[in-house]
Amino acid sequence: MPLTDAKLRTLNQPGKHFDGAGLYLELTAAGGRYWRMKYRHGGKEKRLALGVYPAVSLKAARDAATEARKLLTAGDDPGALRKAAKAQTAHENATTLEAVARDWLAHQSGRWASITADRVRASLEGHIFPALGARPLASIRPGEVMAAIKTVEASGAADQASRVLQRVKAIYRWAVTHERIESNPMLDLVPSEILKPRQVVHRAALSDRELPEFLRKLEAYEGDPNTVHALRLLMLTATRPGEVRGARWAEFDLEAALWIIPPERMKMGTEHRVPLSRQALEVLRTMETLSGGRDLVFPSPFYPGKSLSENTFNSAMARMGYKGSATAHGFRALFSTVANECGWNPDVIERQLAHAERNGVRAAYHRSTYMQDRQKLLQWWADYLNGRKAGKVVKMPKRAV
């Protein structure tokens, strides 16, 4: 006899309880109640699981069995089709944009500094994953990526928009290489054809004419001494603000007057050796009395275990009256301008700025040959700054190395 809801509620005998046309409820000794359908396909007897009672009701089980029989009538195997559908779902879950992007990030992590990996991950999490991350790679159309990128641009972050686009394209290239997707639909997305042209705005920098007043203001600045000394070292070494903020005592050899910045803290991922002038050593000797017992040379005054914050330098400069007219990063441009105008070898200047040399032979030559030249350059620069602070030096005589 066919099953009824009343009979199902009182059923307690383990075994198979048939409803008809191959549908039955299997009651296990442990009390499990499983809908099954027995059928034949290709000359073989097979079983199709249709769910668990009472989550799947009698009516729902009958409806599922009816659909399965329709497939059989059409010559298909409902069990095989279900396995194929599950495999497709598993494949799609493994090849969503977010899943593949995270595999790509893990693959790239050995090539990047941790701060770079964090920045790339954050850009994808903020701008791409919310709208497209759950979608299979192959289902995403170029226009959808373009729309996401233009949304980033519309927020005023044109540079970020370009970088995010390049990262999405890199993910798709990697996915093709590693056979996560058959072809790359994003090949024709070109930044210049998507994003509006923009004028490059360089960071505001002090001019040589403004140096005397700035140096006097820095001398009289009554803010956090760690910030003052960090700004001094920043100017004296022509390094990047982040390199100074994250400086650790382990990187310095004061006896050898040398600062070795490890690759993971450099923008280009290459170790940078910075000769230290007498004035730079004085700054560091002063900091030894303030932070010598810590890992960081310039710890935050509020959180000693952390470095000075990213906005510390520019905030201090704003309080000195330079908001919008000069930035801490601009000291590098000032150094380059003055050193070039005074006749120093441009290659020596560029090497001191840690600008990348793409030619491997020239890069090796720069590392091995220019160290003494850069020692002379940075000592000259430190003396030049002292002279400008006193207001006695208008222009140094030209010297070439």
Protein backbone atom coordinates (compact mmCIF):
# COMPACT_ATOMS: atom_id res chain seq x y z
CA MET A 1 0.00 0.00 0.00
CA PRO A 2 1.18 3.54 -0.64
CA LEU A 3 2.60 5.41 2.31
CA THR A 4 0.57 8.06 4.15
CA ASP A 5 1.59 10.93 6.41
CA ALA A 6 -0.09 9.19 9.36
CA LYS A 7 1.83 5.98 8.71
CA LEU A 8 5.13 7.84 8.36
CA ARG A 9 4.66 9.55 11.72
CA THR A 10 4.20 6.20 13.53
CA LEU A 11 6.66 4.12 11.52
CA ASN A 12 9.13 2.29 13.80
CA GLN A 13 10.08 -0.90 11.97
CA PRO A 14 13.61 -0.70 10.43
CA GLY A 15 13.72 -1.59 6.73
CA LYS A 16 12.44 -0.37 3.38
CA HIS A 17 8.85 0.92 3.24
CA PHE A 18 7.68 1.28 -0.36
CA ASP A 19 5.33 3.95 -1.69
CA GLY A 20 5.19 2.77 -5.30
CA ALA A 21 6.97 3.21 -8.65
CA GLY A 22 10.34 2.59 -7.00
CA LEU A 23 9.98 5.22 -4.23
CA TYR A 24 10.53 4.05 -0.66
CA LEU A 25 11.51 5.28 2.80
CA GLU A 26 14.42 3.49 4.42
CA LEU A 27 14.27 3.42 8.22
CA THR A 28 17.61 2.52 9.79
CA ALA A 29 18.15 0.80 13.13
CA ALA A 30 19.53 4.10 14.44
CA GLY A 31 16.28 5.87 13.55
CA GLY A 32 17.36 7.61 10.32
CA ARG A 33 14.60 8.05 7.72
CA TYR A 34 15.89 8.38 4.14
CA TRP A 35 13.94 8.73 0.92
CA ARG A 36 15.26 6.52 -1.88
CA MET A 37 14.16 5.71 -5.40
CA LYS A 38 15.07 2.40 -7.06
CA TYR A 39 15.39 2.51 -10.85
CA ARG A 40 17.15 0.83 -13.75
CA HIS A 41 19.33 2.54 -16.36
CA GLY A 42 21.61 0.97 -18.92
CA GLY A 43 20.62 -2.47 -17.72
CA LYS A 44 21.76 -1.75 -14.14
CA GLU A 45 19.74 -1.28 -10.97
CA LYS A 46 20.55 1.99 -9.20
CA ARG A 47 19.48 4.07 -6.21
CA LEU A 48 18.73 7.78 -6.07
CA ALA A 49 18.76 9.64 -2.74
CA LEU A 50 15.87 12.08 -2.40
CA GLY A 51 16.39 13.55 1.06
CA VAL A 52 15.59 12.92 4.72
CA TYR A 53 12.13 12.69 6.26
CA PRO A 54 10.50 14.84 7.69
CA ALA A 55 12.59 17.66 6.17
CA VAL A 56 11.50 16.26 2.82
CA SER A 57 7.79 15.50 3.07
CA LEU A 58 5.96 12.63 1.39
CA LYS A 59 4.60 14.97 -1.29
CA ALA A 60 8.04 16.47 -1.96
CA ALA A 61 9.58 13.00 -2.25
CA ARG A 62 6.87 11.92 -4.72
CA ASP A 63 7.40 15.08 -6.78
CA ALA A 64 11.17 14.44 -6.89
CA ALA A 65 10.57 10.85 -7.93
CA THR A 66 8.22 12.00 -10.71
CA GLU A 67 10.91 14.37 -12.06
CA ALA A 68 13.46 11.56 -11.95
CA ARG A 69 11.15 9.27 -13.93
CA LYS A 70 10.74 12.00 -16.58
CA LEU A 71 14.52 12.02 -16.99
CA LEU A 72 14.53 8.24 -17.32
CA THR A 73 11.83 8.44 -20.00
CA ALA A 74 14.04 10.89 -21.90
CA GLY A 75 16.93 8.41 -21.70
CA ASP A 76 18.93 10.20 -19.00
CA ASP A 77 20.31 8.80 -15.76
CA PRO A 78 19.04 11.04 -12.90
CA GLY A 79 21.81 9.86 -10.56
CA ALA A 80 24.56 10.63 -13.07
CA LEU A 81 23.03 14.03 -13.82
CA ARG A 82 22.96 14.83 -10.09
CA LYS A 83 26.63 13.86 -9.69
CA ALA A 84 27.54 16.04 -12.66
CA ALA A 85 25.59 18.95 -11.18
CA LYS A 86 27.37 18.52 -7.82
CA ALA A 87 30.74 18.40 -9.57
CA GLN A 88 29.87 21.56 -11.49
CA THR A 89 28.82 23.33 -8.30
CA ALA A 90 32.05 22.28 -6.58
CA HIS A 91 34.04 23.53 -9.59
CA GLU A 92 32.23 26.85 -9.59
CA ASN A 93 32.78 27.27 -5.85
CA ALA A 94 36.49 26.63 -6.35
CA THR A 95 36.72 29.03 -9.27
CA THR A 96 34.89 32.05 -7.95
CA LEU A 97 36.77 35.28 -8.42
CA GLU A 98 37.47 35.52 -4.69
CA ALA A 99 38.64 31.91 -4.34
CA VAL A 100 41.03 32.18 -7.29
CA ALA A 101 42.18 35.65 -6.21
CA ARG A 102 43.14 34.34 -2.77
CA ASP A 103 45.07 31.47 -4.37
CA TRP A 104 46.82 34.05 -6.59
CA LEU A 105 47.65 36.16 -3.54
CA ALA A 106 49.13 33.14 -1.78
CA HIS A 107 51.19 32.35 -4.89
CA GLN A 108 52.50 35.93 -5.09
CA SER A 109 53.19 36.34 -1.36
CA GLY A 110 56.74 35.03 -1.67
CA ARG A 111 57.55 37.79 -4.15
CA TRP A 112 56.08 40.68 -2.19
CA ALA A 113 56.80 42.43 1.07
CA SER A 114 54.04 41.78 3.60
CA ILE A 115 52.91 45.41 3.41
CA THR A 116 52.47 45.07 -0.37
CA ALA A 117 50.48 41.84 -0.04
CA ASP A 118 48.24 43.47 2.57
CA ARG A 119 47.68 46.49 0.32
CA VAL A 120 46.76 44.36 -2.72
CA ARG A 121 44.44 42.14 -0.65
CA ALA A 122 42.71 45.15 0.89
CA SER A 123 42.10 46.73 -2.52
CA LEU A 124 40.40 43.56 -3.80
CA GLU A 125 38.39 43.10 -0.61
CA GLY A 126 37.24 46.69 -0.73
CA HIS A 127 36.50 47.15 -4.43
CA ILE A 128 36.02 43.78 -6.17
CA PHE A 129 34.93 41.00 -3.82
CA PRO A 130 31.70 42.63 -2.56
CA ALA A 131 30.14 42.80 -6.03
CA LEU A 132 31.92 40.05 -7.98
CA GLY A 133 33.81 37.83 -5.52
CA ALA A 134 31.16 35.11 -5.22
CA ARG A 135 30.77 34.73 -8.99
CA PRO A 136 32.58 32.03 -11.01
CA LEU A 137 35.38 33.57 -13.05
CA ALA A 138 33.94 32.40 -16.34
CA SER A 139 30.55 33.98 -15.65
CA ILE A 140 31.87 37.52 -15.14
CA ARG A 141 31.67 39.78 -18.18
CA PRO A 142 34.31 42.44 -18.95
CA GLY A 143 31.63 45.13 -18.64
CA GLU A 144 31.00 44.13 -15.02
CA VAL A 145 34.67 44.50 -14.13
CA MET A 146 34.76 47.81 -15.99
CA ALA A 147 31.77 49.05 -13.98
CA ALA A 148 33.47 48.12 -10.71
CA ILE A 149 36.67 49.91 -11.77
CA LYS A 150 34.80 53.04 -12.83
CA THR A 151 33.09 53.09 -9.42
CA VAL A 152 36.53 53.25 -7.80
CA GLU A 153 37.52 56.05 -10.19
CA ALA A 154 34.32 57.98 -9.41
CA SER A 155 35.24 57.97 -5.73
CA GLY A 156 38.25 60.11 -6.58
CA ALA A 157 40.82 57.29 -6.47
CA ALA A 158 41.93 57.18 -10.10
CA ASP A 159 45.35 55.69 -9.30
CA GLN A 160 43.73 53.00 -7.19
CA ALA A 161 41.25 52.23 -9.98
CA SER A 162 44.09 51.60 -12.41
CA ARG A 163 45.93 49.38 -9.94
CA VAL A 164 42.82 47.33 -9.14
CA LEU A 165 42.16 46.77 -12.85
CA GLN A 166 45.70 45.52 -13.37
CA ARG A 167 45.31 43.15 -10.40
CA VAL A 168 42.07 41.70 -11.73
CA LYS A 169 43.70 41.13 -15.11
CA ALA A 170 46.67 39.47 -13.41
CA ILE A 171 44.31 37.13 -11.54
CA TYR A 172 42.68 36.06 -14.81
CA ARG A 173 46.06 35.49 -16.49
CA TRP A 174 47.15 33.35 -13.54
CA ALA A 175 43.86 31.43 -13.65
CA VAL A 176 44.38 30.54 -17.33
CA THR A 177 47.97 29.45 -16.69
CA HIS A 178 46.87 27.20 -13.82
CA GLU A 179 43.86 25.85 -15.73
CA ARG A 180 41.25 27.33 -13.42
CA ILE A 181 39.54 28.87 -16.43
CA GLU A 182 39.81 28.05 -20.14
CA SER A 183 40.26 31.55 -21.56
CA ASN A 184 40.79 35.11 -20.38
CA PRO A 185 37.80 37.38 -21.10
CA MET A 186 39.57 40.42 -19.62
CA LEU A 187 42.36 40.68 -22.20
CA ASP A 188 40.85 43.68 -23.96
CA LEU A 189 40.35 45.78 -20.82
CA VAL A 190 42.89 48.58 -21.27
CA PRO A 191 43.16 51.25 -18.54
CA SER A 192 43.53 54.10 -21.04
CA GLU A 193 40.29 53.04 -22.76
CA ILE A 194 38.33 52.80 -19.50
CA LEU A 195 39.67 55.48 -17.16
CA LYS A 196 39.68 59.21 -17.79
CA PRO A 197 43.01 60.85 -18.56
CA ARG A 198 44.47 62.46 -15.48
CA GLN A 199 47.21 64.90 -14.76
CA VAL A 200 49.97 63.58 -12.54
CA VAL A 201 50.27 65.72 -9.43
CA HIS A 202 53.64 65.48 -7.75
CA ARG A 203 53.91 65.68 -3.98
CA ALA A 204 54.41 69.22 -2.81
CA ALA A 205 58.03 69.94 -1.95
CA LEU A 206 59.97 72.73 -0.27
CA SER A 207 62.09 74.90 -2.50
CA ASP A 208 65.72 75.63 -1.72
CA ARG A 209 64.71 79.24 -1.01
CA GLU A 210 62.35 78.04 1.77
CA LEU A 211 64.95 75.82 3.45
CA PRO A 212 66.38 78.32 5.98
CA GLU A 213 62.97 79.19 7.45
CA PHE A 214 61.83 75.55 7.53
CA LEU A 215 65.00 74.35 9.26
CA ARG A 216 64.68 77.07 11.90
CA LYS A 217 61.03 76.13 12.48
CA LEU A 218 62.00 72.48 12.81
CA GLU A 219 64.67 73.44 15.35
CA ALA A 220 62.09 75.34 17.40
CA TYR A 221 59.27 72.80 17.01
CA GLU A 222 57.90 71.78 20.41
CA GLY A 223 56.13 68.61 19.36
CA ASP A 224 57.12 65.01 19.99
CA PRO A 225 60.96 64.76 19.89
CA ASN A 226 60.78 61.40 18.10
CA THR A 227 58.98 63.12 15.23
CA VAL A 228 61.49 65.98 15.08
CA HIS A 229 64.49 63.66 14.98
CA ALA A 230 62.78 61.38 12.47
CA LEU A 231 62.20 64.36 10.16
CA ARG A 232 65.86 65.31 10.51
CA LEU A 233 67.02 61.82 9.57
CA LEU A 234 64.53 61.81 6.69
CA MET A 235 66.07 64.98 5.25
CA LEU A 236 69.65 63.87 5.87
CA THR A 237 69.29 60.49 4.17
CA ALA A 238 66.84 61.30 1.31
CA THR A 239 64.97 58.10 2.13
CA ARG A 240 61.23 57.57 1.99
CA PRO A 241 59.04 58.47 5.00
CA GLY A 242 57.98 54.86 5.54
CA GLU A 243 61.60 53.71 5.61
CA VAL A 244 62.40 56.16 8.40
CA ARG A 245 59.22 55.54 10.38
CA GLY A 246 59.85 51.79 10.39
CA ALA A 247 63.61 52.02 11.06
CA ARG A 248 64.90 49.46 13.56
CA TRP A 249 68.09 49.60 15.57
CA ALA A 250 69.14 46.24 14.15
CA GLU A 251 69.46 47.90 10.73
CA PHE A 252 72.14 50.35 11.87
CA ASP A 253 75.89 49.95 12.23
CA LEU A 254 76.84 53.23 13.87
CA GLU A 255 80.52 52.35 13.99
CA ALA A 256 80.55 51.81 10.23
CA ALA A 257 78.18 54.80 9.70
CA LEU A 258 75.84 52.61 7.70
CA TRP A 259 72.10 51.96 7.59
CA ILE A 260 71.06 48.75 5.81
CA ILE A 261 67.34 48.73 4.99
CA PRO A 262 66.19 45.15 4.29
CA PRO A 263 64.36 44.27 1.04
CA GLU A 264 60.99 43.73 2.71
CA ARG A 265 60.91 47.38 3.80
CA MET A 266 61.89 48.81 0.42
CA LYS A 267 59.46 49.86 -2.29
CA MET A 268 61.36 47.94 -4.97
CA GLY A 269 62.03 44.91 -2.75
CA THR A 270 65.83 45.35 -2.90
CA GLU A 271 68.19 45.96 0.02
CA HIS A 272 69.26 49.60 0.28
CA ARG A 273 72.49 50.72 1.97
CA VAL A 274 72.50 54.29 3.21
CA PRO A 275 75.78 55.98 4.25
CA LEU A 276 75.34 58.08 7.39
CA SER A 277 76.75 61.60 7.62
CA ARG A 278 78.14 62.98 10.88
CA GLN A 279 74.85 64.86 11.35
CA ALA A 280 72.78 61.69 10.79
CA LEU A 281 74.90 59.87 13.38
CA GLU A 282 74.24 62.72 15.83
CA VAL A 283 70.50 62.23 15.37
CA LEU A 284 70.84 58.51 16.01
CA ARG A 285 73.05 59.02 19.07
CA THR A 286 70.36 61.30 20.46
CA MET A 287 67.69 58.71 19.74
CA GLU A 288 69.74 56.07 21.57
CA THR A 289 68.99 57.91 24.80
CA LEU A 290 65.27 58.07 23.91
CA SER A 291 64.55 54.68 22.35
CA GLY A 292 67.77 52.68 22.54
CA GLY A 293 66.11 49.94 24.57
CA ARG A 294 63.40 49.37 21.97
CA ASP A 295 63.30 47.65 18.63
CA LEU A 296 62.11 50.76 16.76
CA VAL A 297 64.30 53.84 16.44
CA PHE A 298 61.29 56.17 16.28
CA PRO A 299 58.48 54.54 18.30
CA SER A 300 55.04 56.12 18.56
CA PRO A 301 54.70 58.30 21.68
CA PHE A 302 51.27 56.76 22.26
CA TYR A 303 51.97 53.12 21.37
CA PRO A 304 55.70 52.49 21.97
CA GLY A 305 55.52 49.06 20.38
CA LYS A 306 54.43 50.61 17.08
CA SER A 307 56.14 53.00 14.69
CA LEU A 308 55.10 56.60 14.12
CA SER A 309 51.85 56.72 12.16
CA GLU A 310 51.73 57.37 8.42
CA ASN A 311 50.38 60.91 8.89
CA THR A 312 52.79 61.96 11.65
CA PHE A 313 55.31 63.78 9.46
CA ASN A 314 52.84 65.72 7.36
CA SER A 315 50.78 66.62 10.44
CA ALA A 316 53.88 68.07 12.08
CA MET A 317 54.69 70.02 8.92
CA ALA A 318 51.13 71.33 8.81
CA ARG A 319 51.51 72.60 12.38
CA MET A 320 54.67 74.37 11.28
CA GLY A 321 52.67 76.17 8.59
CA TYR A 322 53.33 73.98 5.54
CA LYS A 323 49.94 72.31 5.07
CA GLY A 324 49.35 71.84 1.34
CA SER A 325 52.64 73.49 0.39
CA ALA A 326 55.13 70.78 1.35
CA THR A 327 55.15 67.11 2.30
CA ALA A 328 57.70 64.88 3.98
CA HIS A 329 58.11 62.86 0.79
CA GLY A 330 58.97 66.10 -1.01
CA PHE A 331 62.36 66.23 0.76
CA ARG A 332 63.56 63.66 -1.77
CA ALA A 333 62.69 65.98 -4.65
CA LEU A 334 64.47 68.86 -2.89
CA PHE A 335 67.58 66.74 -2.39
CA SER A 336 67.56 65.63 -6.04
CA THR A 337 67.03 69.14 -7.37
CA VAL A 338 69.77 70.77 -5.31
CA ALA A 339 72.29 67.95 -5.83
CA ASN A 340 71.72 67.95 -9.58
CA GLU A 341 71.98 71.74 -9.80
CA CYS A 342 75.25 71.58 -7.89
CA GLY A 343 76.77 69.20 -10.38
CA TRP A 344 76.68 65.84 -8.65
CA ASN A 345 76.63 62.71 -10.82
CA PRO A 346 72.95 61.94 -11.61
CA ASP A 347 73.61 58.19 -11.32
CA VAL A 348 74.90 58.65 -7.79
CA ILE A 349 71.86 60.74 -6.89
CA GLU A 350 69.45 58.19 -8.35
CA ARG A 351 71.20 55.34 -6.55
CA GLN A 352 70.91 57.22 -3.26
CA LEU A 353 67.19 57.69 -3.92
CA ALA A 354 66.95 53.88 -4.42
CA HIS A 355 65.36 54.29 -7.81
CA ALA A 356 65.38 50.96 -9.63
CA GLU A 357 68.00 50.23 -12.28
CA ARG A 358 66.41 47.83 -14.77
CA ASN A 359 69.71 46.77 -16.32
CA GLY A 360 71.14 44.02 -14.09
CA VAL A 361 74.78 44.74 -14.96
CA ARG A 362 74.41 48.46 -14.28
CA ALA A 363 72.56 47.74 -11.03
CA ALA A 364 75.43 45.56 -9.79
CA TYR A 365 77.90 48.27 -10.81
CA HIS A 366 75.95 50.91 -8.91
CA ARG A 367 75.90 48.81 -5.74
CA SER A 368 79.62 48.08 -5.83
CA THR A 369 81.02 51.37 -7.08
CA TYR A 370 78.84 54.22 -5.85
CA MET A 371 79.03 53.66 -2.09
CA GLN A 372 81.99 56.00 -1.54
CA ASP A 373 80.46 58.54 -3.90
CA ARG A 374 77.22 58.44 -1.96
CA GLN A 375 79.06 58.88 1.33
CA LYS A 376 80.57 62.08 -0.04
CA LEU A 377 77.23 63.21 -1.46
CA LEU A 378 75.31 62.74 1.80
CA GLN A 379 78.00 64.43 3.88
CA TRP A 380 77.95 67.34 1.44
CA TRP A 381 74.15 67.43 1.70
CA ALA A 382 74.22 67.45 5.51
CA ASP A 383 76.73 70.29 5.51
CA TYR A 384 74.63 72.11 2.93
CA LEU A 385 71.57 71.88 5.20
CA ASN A 386 73.57 73.23 8.13
CA GLY A 387 74.65 76.15 6.03
CA ARG A 388 71.14 76.87 4.82
CA LYS A 389 69.81 76.82 8.38
CA ALA A 390 72.31 79.49 9.31
CA GLY A 391 71.29 81.44 6.22
CA LYS A 392 74.92 81.76 5.15
CA VAL A 393 74.87 79.54 2.09
CA VAL A 394 73.08 80.68 -1.03
CA LYS A 395 74.51 78.15 -3.43
CA MET A 396 77.26 75.59 -3.00
CA PRO A 397 80.06 75.45 -5.58
CA LYS A 398 79.48 72.82 -8.22
CA ARG A 399 81.18 69.51 -7.58
CA ALA A 400 81.09 66.51 -9.83
CA VAL A 401 81.77 62.89 -8.91
